[in-house]
PDB file of N, CA and C in Angstrom:
ATOM      1  N   MET A   1     295.884   7.933   7.578  1.00  0.00           N
ATOM      2  CA  MET A   1     295.207   6.735   7.645  1.00  0.00           C
ATOM      3  C   MET A   1     294.867   6.134   6.173  1.00  0.00           C
ATOM      4  N   ASN A   2     294.965   4.864   5.997  1.00  0.00           N
ATOM      5  CA  ASN A   2     294.649   4.355   4.753  1.00  0.00           C
ATOM      6  C   ASN A   2     293.249   3.711   4.538  1.00  0.00           C
ATOM      7  N   ALA A   3     292.853   3.504   3.327  1.00  0.00           N
ATOM      8  CA  ALA A   3     291.514   3.156   3.088  1.00  0.00           C
ATOM      9  C   ALA A   3     291.053   1.809   3.930  1.00  0.00           C
ATOM     10  N   LEU A   4     292.018   0.910   4.099  1.00  0.00           N
ATOM     11  CA  LEU A   4     291.538  -0.371   4.763  1.00  0.00           C
ATOM     12  C   LEU A   4     291.318  -0.042   6.142  1.00  0.00           C
ATOM     13  N   THR A   5     292.070   0.844   6.711  1.00  0.00           N
ATOM     14  CA  THR A   5     291.706   1.122   8.168  1.00  0.00           C
ATOM     15  C   THR A   5     290.401   1.883   8.388  1.00  0.00           C
ATOM     16  N   ILE A   6     290.213   2.817   7.429  1.00  0.00           N
ATOM     17  CA  ILE A   6     288.905   3.579   7.411  1.00  0.00           C
ATOM     18  C   ILE A   6     287.763   2.630   7.218  1.00  0.00           C
ATOM     19  N   ALA A   7     287.939   1.626   6.333  1.00  0.00           N
ATOM     20  CA  ALA A   7     286.795   0.679   5.999  1.00  0.00           C
ATOM     21  C   ALA A   7     286.561  -0.226   7.247  1.00  0.00           C
ATOM     22  N   SER A   8     287.652  -0.690   7.946  1.00  0.00           N
ATOM     23  CA  SER A   8     287.494  -1.432   9.188  1.00  0.00           C
ATOM     24  C   SER A   8     286.863  -0.759  10.358  1.00  0.00           C
ATOM     25  N   LYS A   9     287.075   0.446  10.341  1.00  0.00           N
ATOM     26  CA  LYS A   9     286.469   1.407  11.450  1.00  0.00           C
ATOM     27  C   LYS A   9     284.940   1.591  11.105  1.00  0.00           C
ATOM     28  N   GLU A  10     284.655   1.693   9.776  1.00  0.00           N
ATOM     29  CA  GLU A  10     283.223   2.004   9.355  1.00  0.00           C
ATOM     30  C   GLU A  10     282.613   0.538   9.841  1.00  0.00           C
ATOM     31  N   GLN A  11     283.024  -0.533   9.393  1.00  0.00           N
ATOM     32  CA  GLN A  11     282.526  -1.870   9.746  1.00  0.00           C
ATOM     33  C   GLN A  11     282.394  -1.994  11.322  1.00  0.00           C
ATOM     34  N   PHE A  12     283.253  -1.531  11.978  1.00  0.00           N
ATOM     35  CA  PHE A  12     283.359  -1.572  13.598  1.00  0.00           C
ATOM     36  C   PHE A  12     282.101  -0.808  14.088  1.00  0.00           C
ATOM     37  N   PHE A  13     282.027   0.463  13.666  1.00  0.00           N
ATOM     38  CA  PHE A  13     280.951   1.218  13.918  1.00  0.00           C
ATOM     39  C   PHE A  13     279.526   0.764  13.582  1.00  0.00           C
ATOM     40  N   GLU A  14     279.507   0.130  12.601  1.00  0.00           N
ATOM     41  CA  GLU A  14     278.220  -0.559  12.076  1.00  0.00           C
ATOM     42  C   GLU A  14     277.796  -1.669  13.037  1.00  0.00           C
ATOM     43  N   GLN A  15     278.727  -2.438  13.461  1.00  0.00           N
ATOM     44  CA  GLN A  15     278.354  -3.402  14.385  1.00  0.00           C
ATOM     45  C   GLN A  15     278.122  -2.908  15.696  1.00  0.00           C
ATOM     46  N   LEU A  16     278.718  -1.787  16.062  1.00  0.00           N
ATOM     47  CA  LEU A  16     278.445  -1.261  17.406  1.00  0.00           C
ATOM     48  C   LEU A  16     277.036  -0.667  17.354  1.00  0.00           C
ATOM     49  N   ALA A  17     276.700   0.045  16.269  1.00  0.00           N
ATOM     50  CA  ALA A  17     275.339   0.501  16.128  1.00  0.00           C
ATOM     51  C   ALA A  17     274.409  -0.704  16.150  1.00  0.00           C
ATOM     52  N   ASP A  18     274.499  -1.643  15.447  1.00  0.00           N
ATOM     53  CA  ASP A  18     273.650  -2.903  15.420  1.00  0.00           C
ATOM     54  C   ASP A  18     273.505  -3.437  16.891  1.00  0.00           C
ATOM     55  N   ALA A  19     274.619  -3.545  17.515  1.00  0.00           N
ATOM     56  CA  ALA A  19     274.360  -4.086  18.894  1.00  0.00           C
ATOM     57  C   ALA A  19     273.721  -3.118  19.902  1.00  0.00           C
ATOM     58  N   PHE A  20     273.846  -1.840  19.718  1.00  0.00           N
ATOM     59  CA  PHE A  20     273.092  -0.856  20.503  1.00  0.00           C
ATOM     60  C   PHE A  20     271.695  -0.886  20.200  1.00  0.00           C
ATOM     61  N   THR A  21     271.377  -0.939  18.950  1.00  0.00           N
ATOM     62  CA  THR A  21     269.780  -0.952  18.568  1.00  0.00           C
ATOM     63  C   THR A  21     269.094  -2.283  19.130  1.00  0.00           C
ATOM     64  N   ASP A  22     269.889  -3.272  19.133  1.00  0.00           N
ATOM     65  CA  ASP A  22     269.364  -4.562  19.570  1.00  0.00           C
ATOM     66  C   ASP A  22     269.028  -4.481  21.181  1.00  0.00           C
ATOM     67  N   LYS A  23     269.744  -3.677  21.751  1.00  0.00           N
ATOM     68  CA  LYS A  23     269.461  -3.386  23.185  1.00  0.00           C
ATOM     69  C   LYS A  23     268.290  -2.441  23.545  1.00  0.00           C
ATOM     70  N   LEU A  24     267.906  -1.689  22.489  1.00  0.00           N
ATOM     71  CA  LEU A  24     266.817  -0.854  22.784  1.00  0.00           C
ATOM     72  C   LEU A  24     265.460  -1.644  22.786  1.00  0.00           C
TER      73      LEU A  24
END
């Protein structure tokens, strides 16, 4: 896995966490 893929995955999970906390 390259750094770009890891960075985009981190950003994806960050957005996922934001959406999850918005629903709480």
